[in-house]
Protein backbone atom coordinates (compact mmCIF):
# COMPACT_ATOMS: atom_id res chain seq x y z
CA MET A 1 32.61 10.69 -7.79
CA ALA A 2 28.83 8.62 -7.82
CA ASN A 3 26.74 11.69 -7.52
CA PRO A 4 24.87 11.36 -4.05
CA LEU A 5 21.59 12.39 -5.26
CA ARG A 6 21.57 9.10 -6.99
CA ASP A 7 22.01 6.92 -3.80
CA PRO A 8 18.61 4.64 -4.32
CA GLN A 9 18.45 5.48 0.08
CA ASP A 10 18.24 8.73 -0.87
CA ARG A 11 14.08 9.83 -0.28
CA ARG A 12 14.70 13.26 -1.73
CA LEU A 13 14.59 11.50 -5.47
CA PRO A 14 11.67 9.96 -6.43
CA ARG A 15 11.52 6.00 -7.98
CA ILE A 16 10.85 6.90 -11.71
CA PRO A 17 10.82 4.06 -14.34
CA GLU A 18 13.64 3.55 -17.65
CA PRO A 19 11.78 5.05 -21.45
CA CYS A 20 9.71 2.34 -21.72
CA ALA A 21 6.32 1.36 -23.24
CA LEU A 22 2.65 0.69 -22.14
CA CYS A 23 0.75 -2.29 -23.74
CA ILE A 24 -3.03 -2.52 -22.67
CA PHE A 25 -5.24 -5.00 -24.18
CA GLY A 26 -8.68 -4.75 -23.64
CA VAL A 27 -7.96 -1.03 -23.37
CA THR A 28 -12.01 -0.17 -23.86
CA GLY A 29 -13.14 -1.46 -21.45
CA ASP A 30 -14.15 -0.65 -17.58
CA LEU A 31 -10.74 -1.14 -16.09
CA ALA A 32 -8.74 0.32 -18.37
CA ARG A 33 -11.31 3.33 -18.86
CA LYS A 34 -11.73 3.75 -14.99
CA LYS A 35 -8.06 2.63 -13.36
CA LEU A 36 -5.30 2.05 -15.55
CA ILE A 37 -5.59 5.71 -18.19
CA PRO A 38 -6.58 7.64 -14.65
CA ALA A 39 -3.44 6.27 -12.91
CA VAL A 40 -1.70 6.91 -15.91
CA TYR A 41 -2.56 10.86 -15.87
CA ASP A 42 -1.68 10.77 -12.52
CA LEU A 43 1.25 9.48 -12.48
CA ALA A 44 2.55 11.89 -15.54
CA ASN A 45 0.98 14.37 -12.81
CA ARG A 46 3.50 13.72 -9.64
CA GLY A 47 6.10 14.15 -12.13
CA LEU A 48 6.71 10.24 -12.01
CA LEU A 49 6.82 9.24 -15.24
CA PRO A 50 9.77 9.34 -17.55
CA PRO A 51 9.92 11.63 -20.54
CA GLY A 52 10.26 8.46 -22.94
CA PHE A 53 6.83 6.81 -22.05
CA VAL A 54 4.59 5.53 -24.38
CA VAL A 55 0.65 4.34 -23.79
CA LEU A 56 0.11 1.56 -26.23
CA GLY A 57 -3.81 0.35 -26.52
CA PHE A 58 -5.14 -2.80 -28.66
CA ALA A 59 -8.62 -3.44 -28.86
CA ARG A 60 -11.36 -4.71 -31.36
CA ARG A 61 -11.78 -1.45 -32.73
CA ASP A 62 -10.92 0.53 -36.10
CA TRP A 63 -9.90 3.79 -34.68
CA SER A 64 -6.85 6.15 -35.27
CA ASP A 65 -4.35 7.06 -32.49
CA GLY A 66 -6.61 10.81 -32.58
CA ASP A 67 -9.73 8.26 -31.39
CA PHE A 68 -7.75 6.63 -28.52
CA GLU A 69 -6.27 9.40 -27.09
CA ALA A 70 -9.74 11.64 -27.12
CA LEU A 71 -11.30 7.94 -25.16
CA ALA A 72 -8.36 8.51 -22.74
CA ARG A 73 -8.64 11.95 -22.00
CA GLU A 74 -12.50 11.52 -21.32
CA SER A 75 -11.43 8.53 -18.57
CA ALA A 76 -8.79 10.58 -17.13
CA GLN A 77 -10.69 13.77 -16.58
CA ALA A 78 -13.40 11.88 -15.26
CA HIS A 79 -11.09 9.45 -13.24
CA ALA A 80 -8.53 10.81 -12.23
CA ARG A 81 -7.32 11.23 -8.46
CA THR A 82 -5.25 14.54 -9.12
CA PRO A 83 -6.14 18.03 -10.63
CA TRP A 84 -6.46 17.98 -14.42
CA ARG A 85 -3.94 19.91 -16.22
CA GLU A 86 -3.85 20.52 -19.58
CA GLU A 87 0.12 20.84 -20.14
CA VAL A 88 0.99 17.50 -18.15
CA TRP A 89 -1.65 16.12 -20.64
CA ALA A 90 -0.44 17.74 -24.06
CA ARG A 91 2.78 16.03 -23.16
CA LEU A 92 0.92 12.76 -22.82
CA ALA A 93 -1.35 13.39 -26.02
CA GLY A 94 1.55 13.11 -28.28
CA ASN A 95 2.77 9.80 -26.64
CA ILE A 96 -0.64 7.89 -27.22
CA LYS A 97 -0.91 5.36 -29.86
CA PHE A 98 -3.14 2.35 -30.94
CA VAL A 99 -3.45 -0.88 -32.67
CA GLY A 100 -6.80 -2.54 -33.85
CA GLY A 101 -6.90 -5.67 -34.44
CA SER A 102 -9.01 -8.68 -32.35
CA PHE A 103 -6.68 -11.61 -30.48
CA GLU A 104 -6.65 -14.33 -33.01
CA ASP A 105 -5.40 -11.79 -35.79
CA ASP A 106 -1.70 -12.34 -36.26
CA ALA A 107 -1.70 -8.82 -39.17
CA ALA A 108 -2.29 -7.22 -35.89
CA PHE A 109 -0.03 -8.62 -33.60
CA ASP A 110 3.04 -8.22 -36.63
CA LEU A 111 2.01 -4.93 -36.46
CA LEU A 112 1.95 -4.20 -32.49
CA ALA A 113 5.27 -5.84 -32.74
CA THR A 114 6.83 -3.28 -35.55
CA THR A 115 5.34 -0.40 -33.77
CA LEU A 116 7.40 -1.40 -30.34
CA ASP A 117 10.51 -1.72 -32.18
CA GLN A 118 9.90 1.74 -33.69
CA LEU A 119 9.93 3.23 -30.73
CA ARG A 120 13.56 3.14 -30.41
CA ASP A 121 13.61 5.91 -32.97
CA SER A 122 10.89 7.89 -31.95
CA HIS A 123 10.52 8.25 -28.34
CA GLY A 124 13.98 6.47 -27.57
CA ILE A 125 12.79 3.67 -26.04
CA PRO A 126 15.13 1.04 -25.58
CA GLY A 127 12.78 -2.33 -26.10
CA ASN A 128 11.16 -1.87 -22.45
CA ALA A 129 7.72 -3.06 -22.44
CA ALA A 130 4.99 -3.69 -20.35
CA PHE A 131 1.59 -5.69 -21.77
CA TYR A 132 -1.29 -5.31 -18.99
CA PHE A 133 -3.99 -8.15 -19.99
CA SER A 134 -7.28 -5.74 -19.03
CA ILE A 135 -9.26 -9.04 -20.93
CA PRO A 136 -11.15 -12.09 -19.51
CA PRO A 137 -9.15 -14.98 -18.58
CA THR A 138 -10.45 -16.76 -21.11
CA ALA A 139 -8.42 -14.56 -23.69
CA PHE A 140 -5.07 -15.00 -21.71
CA PRO A 141 -3.51 -17.97 -23.59
CA THR A 142 -4.41 -16.70 -27.09
CA VAL A 143 -2.64 -13.38 -26.29
CA LEU A 144 0.37 -15.17 -24.53
CA LYS A 145 0.65 -17.01 -27.30
CA GLN A 146 0.73 -14.32 -30.10
CA LEU A 147 3.03 -12.39 -27.97
CA GLU A 148 5.31 -15.75 -28.21
CA ARG A 149 5.43 -15.94 -32.10
CA THR A 150 5.94 -12.65 -32.40
CA GLY A 151 9.17 -12.54 -29.84
CA MET A 152 7.08 -9.96 -28.29
CA ALA A 153 7.97 -11.24 -24.75
CA ASP A 154 11.63 -11.90 -24.96
CA ASN A 155 13.58 -10.04 -23.92
CA HIS A 156 16.89 -10.90 -25.58
CA ARG A 157 15.11 -10.16 -28.77
CA SER A 158 14.06 -6.81 -28.04
CA GLY A 159 16.99 -5.48 -26.19
CA GLY A 160 15.54 -4.49 -23.09
CA TRP A 161 12.81 -5.61 -20.61
CA ARG A 162 9.32 -7.02 -21.18
CA ARG A 163 7.29 -7.82 -18.45
CA VAL A 164 3.04 -9.05 -17.81
CA VAL A 165 0.42 -7.66 -16.15
CA VAL A 166 -1.86 -10.35 -15.46
CA GLU A 167 -5.20 -9.83 -13.26
CA LYS A 168 -7.22 -11.92 -10.98
CA PRO A 169 -8.87 -14.42 -11.11
CA PHE A 170 -6.06 -16.46 -11.58
CA GLY A 171 -7.51 -19.39 -13.06
CA ARG A 172 -11.15 -21.04 -11.41
CA ASP A 173 -9.21 -23.71 -9.32
CA LEU A 174 -5.64 -25.41 -8.49
CA ALA A 175 -5.82 -27.05 -11.77
CA SER A 176 -6.29 -23.77 -14.30
CA ALA A 177 -4.31 -21.29 -11.95
CA LYS A 178 -1.17 -24.47 -12.54
CA GLU A 179 -1.75 -24.77 -15.99
CA LEU A 180 -2.02 -20.77 -16.56
CA ASN A 181 0.96 -19.99 -14.68
CA GLN A 182 3.25 -22.46 -16.39
CA LEU A 183 1.81 -21.30 -20.02
CA VAL A 184 2.39 -17.51 -18.90
CA ASP A 185 6.27 -18.75 -17.52
CA ASP A 186 6.61 -20.25 -20.50
CA VAL A 187 6.46 -17.37 -22.83
CA PHE A 188 7.56 -14.68 -20.28
CA THR A 189 10.41 -15.09 -17.30
CA ALA A 190 9.11 -15.51 -13.90
CA GLN A 191 10.82 -12.31 -12.75
CA ASP A 192 8.74 -10.40 -15.15
CA VAL A 193 5.25 -11.79 -14.59
CA PHE A 194 3.21 -9.40 -12.43
CA ARG A 195 -0.01 -10.97 -11.09
CA ILE A 196 -1.92 -8.09 -9.65
CA ASP A 197 -4.09 -8.51 -6.73
CA HIS A 198 -4.55 -4.51 -6.78
CA TYR A 199 -5.72 -4.77 -2.65
CA LEU A 200 -2.13 -4.72 -2.16
CA GLY A 201 -1.72 -1.85 -3.48
CA LYS A 202 -4.10 0.30 -0.86
CA GLU A 203 -1.73 2.30 1.17
CA THR A 204 -3.63 0.69 4.87
CA VAL A 205 -2.81 -2.77 3.49
CA GLN A 206 0.64 -1.62 3.20
CA ASN A 207 0.68 -0.73 6.43
CA ILE A 208 -0.14 -3.77 8.33
CA LEU A 209 3.47 -3.99 7.49
CA ALA A 210 4.42 -0.72 8.93
CA LEU A 211 2.38 -0.95 12.10
CA ARG A 212 3.63 -4.73 13.37
CA PHE A 213 7.16 -4.39 12.40
CA ALA A 214 7.97 -0.64 12.84
CA ASN A 215 6.54 -0.71 16.17
CA ALA A 216 7.92 -3.00 19.67
CA LEU A 217 3.99 -2.58 21.09
CA PHE A 218 2.27 -4.70 19.10
CA GLU A 219 4.73 -7.90 18.36
CA PRO A 220 4.67 -8.97 22.25
CA VAL A 221 0.64 -9.24 22.16
CA TRP A 222 0.63 -10.81 18.60
CA ASN A 223 0.40 -13.98 18.96
CA ASN A 224 -2.29 -16.72 20.55
CA HIS A 225 -1.42 -16.02 24.09
CA HIS A 226 -3.22 -12.71 23.90
CA VAL A 227 -5.15 -12.80 20.39
CA ASP A 228 -9.12 -14.27 21.31
CA SER A 229 -9.96 -14.16 17.77
CA VAL A 230 -9.63 -12.24 14.29
CA GLN A 231 -12.27 -10.72 11.99
CA ILE A 232 -11.81 -9.77 8.38
CA THR A 233 -14.57 -7.80 6.59
CA MET A 234 -15.02 -7.46 2.67
CA ALA A 235 -18.39 -5.96 2.73
CA GLU A 236 -20.17 -3.99 -0.33
CA ASP A 237 -23.12 -2.19 -0.91
CA VAL A 238 -23.12 -2.54 -4.74
CA GLY A 239 -25.33 -5.83 -6.47
CA ILE A 240 -23.19 -7.08 -9.18
CA GLY A 241 -24.50 -4.75 -12.29
CA SER A 242 -23.42 -5.86 -16.07
CA ARG A 243 -20.93 -8.61 -14.27
CA ALA A 244 -23.45 -11.24 -14.85
CA GLY A 245 -21.43 -12.87 -17.27
CA PHE A 246 -18.08 -13.24 -15.70
CA TYR A 247 -20.03 -13.08 -11.81
CA ASP A 248 -21.99 -16.17 -12.33
CA SER A 249 -19.81 -17.80 -13.47
CA VAL A 250 -17.15 -17.01 -10.23
CA GLY A 251 -19.31 -16.24 -7.18
CA ALA A 252 -17.87 -14.67 -3.82
CA ALA A 253 -15.47 -17.42 -2.72
CA ARG A 254 -13.49 -17.50 -6.17
CA ASP A 255 -13.72 -13.59 -7.14
CA VAL A 256 -12.55 -12.47 -3.48
CA LEU A 257 -11.77 -14.63 -0.87
CA GLN A 258 -8.90 -16.93 -3.12
CA ASN A 259 -7.60 -13.30 -3.58
CA HIS A 260 -7.75 -10.53 -1.73
CA LEU A 261 -8.99 -11.61 1.37
CA LEU A 262 -6.36 -14.48 1.75
CA GLN A 263 -3.66 -11.64 1.06
CA LEU A 264 -4.83 -9.81 3.61
CA LEU A 265 -5.07 -12.81 5.82
CA ALA A 266 -1.48 -13.93 5.36
CA MET A 267 0.00 -9.90 5.49
CA VAL A 268 -1.67 -9.34 9.81
CA SER A 269 -0.48 -12.99 10.48
CA MET A 270 2.77 -13.40 8.83
CA GLU A 271 6.27 -13.63 10.67
CA GLU A 272 8.63 -10.57 10.31
CA PRO A 273 10.79 -10.75 7.27
CA VAL A 274 14.19 -10.72 7.21
CA SER A 275 14.29 -7.45 4.89
CA PHE A 276 11.88 -5.47 2.67
CA GLU A 277 12.41 -7.13 -0.05
CA ALA A 278 10.11 -8.64 -2.14
CA GLU A 279 11.64 -12.56 -2.21
CA ALA A 280 11.70 -12.06 1.79
CA ILE A 281 7.85 -10.82 2.30
CA ARG A 282 6.58 -13.80 -0.03
CA ILE A 283 8.73 -16.56 1.72
CA GLU A 284 6.67 -15.41 5.20
CA LYS A 285 3.34 -14.95 3.42
CA LEU A 286 3.75 -18.33 1.63
CA LYS A 287 4.51 -19.97 4.69
CA VAL A 288 1.18 -18.60 6.50
CA LEU A 289 -0.94 -19.79 3.41
CA ARG A 290 0.59 -23.26 3.67
CA ALA A 291 -0.10 -23.27 7.13
CA ILE A 292 -4.15 -22.56 7.03
CA THR A 293 -5.99 -25.03 7.81
CA LEU A 294 -9.87 -25.54 6.92
CA PRO A 295 -13.09 -26.08 9.75
CA GLU A 296 -13.59 -29.91 10.50
CA ASP A 297 -17.15 -29.23 10.07
CA PRO A 298 -17.68 -27.32 7.50
CA ALA A 299 -21.53 -27.62 7.34
CA ARG A 300 -21.42 -25.19 10.13
CA PHE A 301 -18.08 -22.90 9.81
CA ALA A 302 -18.14 -22.85 5.75
CA VAL A 303 -21.13 -20.46 4.71
CA ARG A 304 -22.51 -19.57 1.53
CA GLY A 305 -25.25 -16.91 0.56
CA GLN A 306 -27.47 -14.76 -1.78
CA TYR A 307 -28.79 -12.29 -1.70
CA THR A 308 -33.01 -11.41 -2.14
CA GLN A 309 -34.62 -7.84 -3.08
CA GLY A 310 -34.78 -5.86 -0.01
CA TRP A 311 -33.32 -1.80 0.76
CA VAL A 312 -29.87 -0.43 0.50
CA ALA A 313 -29.46 3.31 1.83
CA GLY A 314 -33.23 4.25 1.51
CA GLU A 315 -33.78 2.22 -2.39
CA ARG A 316 -35.64 -0.86 -2.99
CA VAL A 317 -33.16 -3.07 -5.08
CA PRO A 318 -33.67 -6.59 -7.16
CA GLY A 319 -32.30 -10.16 -5.38
CA TYR A 320 -29.86 -11.68 -7.12
CA HIS A 321 -32.00 -13.71 -9.62
CA GLU A 322 -33.93 -10.25 -10.71
CA GLU A 323 -30.61 -8.49 -11.71
CA PRO A 324 -29.80 -8.62 -15.16
CA ASN A 325 -29.00 -11.99 -17.47
CA VAL A 326 -28.73 -14.10 -13.87
CA PRO A 327 -30.16 -17.41 -14.83
CA PRO A 328 -32.84 -18.11 -12.46
CA ASP A 329 -31.82 -21.20 -10.76
CA SER A 330 -28.76 -19.90 -10.54
CA THR A 331 -26.66 -21.03 -7.14
CA THR A 332 -23.84 -18.87 -7.03
CA GLU A 333 -22.99 -17.45 -3.90
CA THR A 334 -22.45 -13.67 -3.36
CA TYR A 335 -21.71 -14.04 0.25
CA VAL A 336 -19.16 -16.21 1.63
CA ALA A 337 -18.17 -16.75 5.69
CA VAL A 338 -15.49 -19.13 7.16
CA ARG A 339 -13.63 -19.82 9.93
CA LEU A 340 -9.82 -20.98 8.94
CA GLY A 341 -7.23 -21.72 11.76
CA ILE A 342 -3.26 -21.46 10.88
CA GLN A 343 -1.58 -24.03 12.45
CA ASN A 344 2.16 -22.73 13.47
CA ARG A 345 2.89 -21.76 17.22
CA ARG A 346 2.49 -18.22 17.12
CA TRP A 347 -1.58 -18.60 16.18
CA ALA A 348 -2.27 -22.52 16.93
CA GLY A 349 -6.08 -22.08 18.54
CA VAL A 350 -6.65 -18.77 17.35
CA PRO A 351 -9.88 -18.74 14.91
CA PHE A 352 -9.82 -15.94 11.99
CA TYR A 353 -13.10 -15.14 10.73
CA ILE A 354 -13.45 -14.49 7.62
CA ARG A 355 -16.83 -12.80 5.16
CA ALA A 356 -16.68 -10.82 2.07
CA GLY A 357 -20.72 -10.08 0.85
CA LYS A 358 -22.47 -8.01 -1.87
CA ARG A 359 -25.55 -5.90 -1.04
CA MET A 360 -24.31 -5.76 2.75
CA PRO A 361 -25.74 -2.35 4.81
CA ARG A 362 -22.61 -0.78 3.63
CA ARG A 363 -19.25 -0.51 1.86
CA THR A 364 -16.48 -1.25 3.84
CA THR A 365 -12.72 -3.31 4.20
CA GLU A 366 -11.39 -3.71 7.23
CA ILE A 367 -9.05 -6.67 9.78
CA ALA A 368 -10.11 -6.55 13.26
CA VAL A 369 -8.00 -8.12 15.81
CA ILE A 370 -9.65 -9.31 18.94
CA PHE A 371 -7.74 -9.64 22.41
CA LYS A 372 -8.80 -11.56 25.09
CA ARG A 373 -10.08 -10.59 28.26
CA ALA A 374 -8.07 -9.58 30.91
CA PRO A 375 -7.95 -13.38 33.20
CA HIS A 376 -9.47 -11.19 36.27
CA LEU A 377 -11.62 -7.91 36.67
CA PRO A 378 -11.76 -6.56 39.96
CA PHE A 379 -15.02 -4.39 39.52
CA GLN A 380 -18.78 -4.94 40.52
CA SER A 381 -20.26 -6.71 37.33
CA ALA A 382 -22.36 -3.98 37.13
CA ASP A 383 -19.73 -1.36 36.50
CA VAL A 384 -18.52 -3.46 33.33
CA GLU A 385 -21.76 -4.58 31.83
CA SER A 386 -21.05 -1.96 28.97
CA LEU A 387 -17.12 -3.63 28.47
CA GLY A 388 -15.81 -5.17 25.57
CA ALA A 389 -12.66 -6.87 24.52
CA ASN A 390 -9.98 -4.52 23.61
CA GLN A 391 -9.41 -4.53 19.80
CA LEU A 392 -7.42 -3.17 16.95
CA VAL A 393 -8.69 -2.42 13.61
CA ILE A 394 -7.45 -1.57 10.57
CA ARG A 395 -10.13 0.49 8.32
CA VAL A 396 -8.64 0.06 4.84
CA GLN A 397 -11.31 1.34 3.17
CA PRO A 398 -13.52 3.83 2.37
CA ASP A 399 -12.58 5.76 5.92
CA GLU A 400 -8.94 4.25 5.70
CA GLY A 401 -6.91 4.34 9.07
CA VAL A 402 -6.71 2.70 12.50
CA ALA A 403 -8.66 2.10 15.49
CA LEU A 404 -7.98 0.69 18.97
CA LYS A 405 -10.78 0.15 21.24
CA PHE A 406 -10.44 -0.53 25.40
CA GLY A 407 -12.02 0.39 28.03
CA SER A 408 -12.11 3.14 30.23
CA LYS A 409 -14.09 5.03 33.66
CA VAL A 410 -16.88 7.37 32.61
CA PRO A 411 -17.15 10.64 34.00
CA GLY A 412 -19.01 10.52 37.58
CA THR A 413 -19.15 9.28 40.66
CA THR A 414 -19.24 5.78 40.14
CA MET A 415 -16.85 3.15 38.58
CA GLU A 416 -18.27 2.64 35.60
CA LEU A 417 -16.75 1.46 33.07
CA ARG A 418 -16.87 1.51 28.87
CA ASP A 419 -15.53 1.25 26.13
CA ILE A 420 -14.05 3.76 23.95
CA SER A 421 -11.78 4.15 20.69
CA MET A 422 -8.38 6.45 19.48
CA ASP A 423 -8.96 6.42 15.71
CA PHE A 424 -6.28 7.55 13.19
CA GLN A 425 -7.35 8.46 10.15
CA TYR A 426 -5.14 8.82 6.89
CA GLY A 427 -7.04 11.95 5.66
CA GLU A 428 -6.35 13.81 9.28
CA ALA A 429 -2.86 12.51 10.04
CA PHE A 430 -1.15 13.37 6.68
CA THR A 431 -1.18 16.37 4.06
CA GLU A 432 -0.14 14.22 1.60
CA GLN A 433 -3.37 12.17 0.16
CA SER A 434 -2.86 8.27 -0.68
CA PRO A 435 -2.29 7.70 -4.53
CA GLU A 436 -4.36 4.93 -5.94
CA ALA A 437 -4.09 1.48 -5.91
CA TYR A 438 -3.28 1.16 -9.77
CA GLU A 439 -1.08 4.21 -9.97
CA ARG A 440 1.36 2.96 -7.38
CA LEU A 441 1.14 -0.78 -9.12
CA VAL A 442 1.54 0.67 -12.06
CA LEU A 443 4.89 1.96 -11.22
CA ASP A 444 5.82 -0.72 -9.46
CA VAL A 445 5.58 -2.43 -12.63
CA LEU A 446 7.47 -0.12 -14.55
CA ILE A 447 10.41 -0.15 -12.10
CA GLY A 448 10.05 -3.64 -11.78
CA ASP A 449 9.58 -3.49 -8.41
CA LYS A 450 7.44 -7.23 -7.51
CA THR A 451 7.20 -6.38 -3.44
CA LEU A 452 3.21 -6.21 -4.04
CA PHE A 453 2.43 -8.91 -6.44
CA PRO A 454 2.09 -12.80 -5.34
CA ASP A 455 3.89 -14.80 -7.31
CA SER A 456 2.67 -18.51 -8.42
CA ALA A 457 3.30 -20.42 -5.05
CA GLU A 458 1.19 -18.31 -3.12
CA VAL A 459 -1.58 -18.02 -5.80
CA GLU A 460 -1.44 -22.30 -5.80
CA ALA A 461 -1.65 -21.79 -1.75
CA SER A 462 -4.93 -19.72 -1.96
CA TRP A 463 -6.47 -22.22 -4.31
CA ASN A 464 -5.80 -25.01 -1.77
CA VAL A 465 -7.77 -23.43 1.11
CA VAL A 466 -10.79 -22.56 -1.59
CA ASP A 467 -11.30 -25.76 -3.39
CA PRO A 468 -12.22 -27.56 -0.53
CA LEU A 469 -14.60 -25.48 0.05
CA GLU A 470 -16.00 -25.44 -3.17
CA ALA A 471 -16.26 -29.69 -3.69
CA VAL A 472 -18.07 -28.89 -0.20
CA TRP A 473 -20.87 -26.22 -1.88
CA GLU A 474 -20.96 -28.36 -5.16
CA GLY A 475 -24.89 -29.05 -5.68
CA GLY A 476 -26.03 -27.23 -2.34
CA LYS A 477 -28.23 -24.16 -2.63
CA PRO A 478 -26.20 -21.02 -0.64
CA HIS A 479 -28.60 -19.72 2.37
CA PRO A 480 -30.53 -16.26 1.89
CA TYR A 481 -30.12 -13.34 3.12
CA ARG A 482 -32.46 -10.08 1.98
CA ALA A 483 -30.19 -6.83 0.43
CA GLY A 484 -29.04 -4.80 3.48
CA GLU A 485 -28.89 -7.11 5.68
CA TRP A 486 -25.33 -8.02 6.52
CA GLY A 487 -25.30 -11.63 5.56
CA PRO A 488 -27.53 -14.92 6.25
CA ARG A 489 -28.33 -15.46 9.66
CA ALA A 490 -25.79 -19.14 9.68
CA ALA A 491 -22.95 -16.80 9.54
CA ASP A 492 -24.50 -15.30 12.53
CA GLU A 493 -24.67 -18.84 13.71
CA MET A 494 -20.90 -19.86 12.57
CA LEU A 495 -19.82 -17.42 15.53
CA ALA A 496 -22.44 -17.72 18.20
CA ILE A 497 -21.90 -21.39 18.24
CA GLU A 498 -18.56 -20.92 19.96
CA GLY A 499 -19.62 -17.93 21.75
CA ARG A 500 -18.59 -14.88 19.60
CA ALA A 501 -20.32 -12.25 17.39
CA TRP A 502 -19.17 -10.13 13.87
CA ARG A 503 -17.83 -7.11 14.98
CA ARG A 504 -20.42 -4.12 13.90
CA ALA A 505 -18.27 -2.68 10.79
């Protein structure tokens, strides 16, 4: 008789992976130290890792297992979300291993393959391993070919499952994305490829689906009959820091529009999936991405910007050209704003205004669904001067939550109306703290759940949106905007042309 506690629908038991190894390439980089290793510690602290679990680091270092363990400990202590517990780290410390070498070093990859094989006897891991590419995209082909040469990517040869996690950007245009997708799908089977977009691991992004499809309140008005426009904003108050080598060759459109922002657009506008299964959700997102229409007049409705020196949070900050290692004549954009449409029955005629930028006044990511105004207001015009449009605002970060903005009477003897806001915040409504995005996504990789991971078709559909914009912008210069402002004036004019304005984020 089956144990009812093992029913997959039973929420009393957490999802725990099979015994497995997580092999991180580029383990000395910022992503591994600040996100991946802390995520592993947090999962262990929550009891979500199996007893047979190994973290295997690979980098160009002449290190022992102990050297890597010391780095991992320092990283976990500095960046973990959950409290530090020595007994948890003591269990992890014996399961941390390191292999040193370059990506071109055949002997190093042969040793890596041997180390994974030895885990069968030493840790009871029957060939299960996930390979995390925390490395520059230019190194992907070399590492993939090494994994293919040694047989480490082969499920049948390993006797378990072998998965690969690929960080964005997924290529730099449609052609390179197709080439990368073909290579990674040839080395690993397609179902074992996890293209990670950490925004999809955020609780508030996942809550978009819950908000829309678990409530009868919103669906009747979630269409072009009631929605005037949608604004998606991703603002950062920081500059490019030490990332000039990467960022100057990419820019804001390739860095965040192609992935983060188009994924947010897809989730807020997709049709209801037939089930909450990975394939059903991907089908609906893909329909939206393929239905996106570009502005007919990109000169006015697709704006690039680049920050100059200014003030952010009371501090003087340099302009983009003054940042370390940025060429003085660089035309790379640090800001992008574009008006997109979705050509289907639900959204035809509704503009989606998307913007992202660095050196903004503050850090915020939000989705604002702005509804049409009431067709008739039986009030005196002076009484509704302060009344705006109804809005549903989904705050992705940093103050995670949802706000509903609507009109209400101001207390007093006159019928004066003003906008007020009903505000839900995750930190106040729930006692349990939200896990970090990488915490959730690393666990999903180890379990094999692809619900929050875009597939190759989604990646290619997103490049079909960005590539034409890049072609229009090629050879031109971005509009300047002062650090600490909400972007260039041309972005404000883009909405003003149609009688709208950016929401004050």
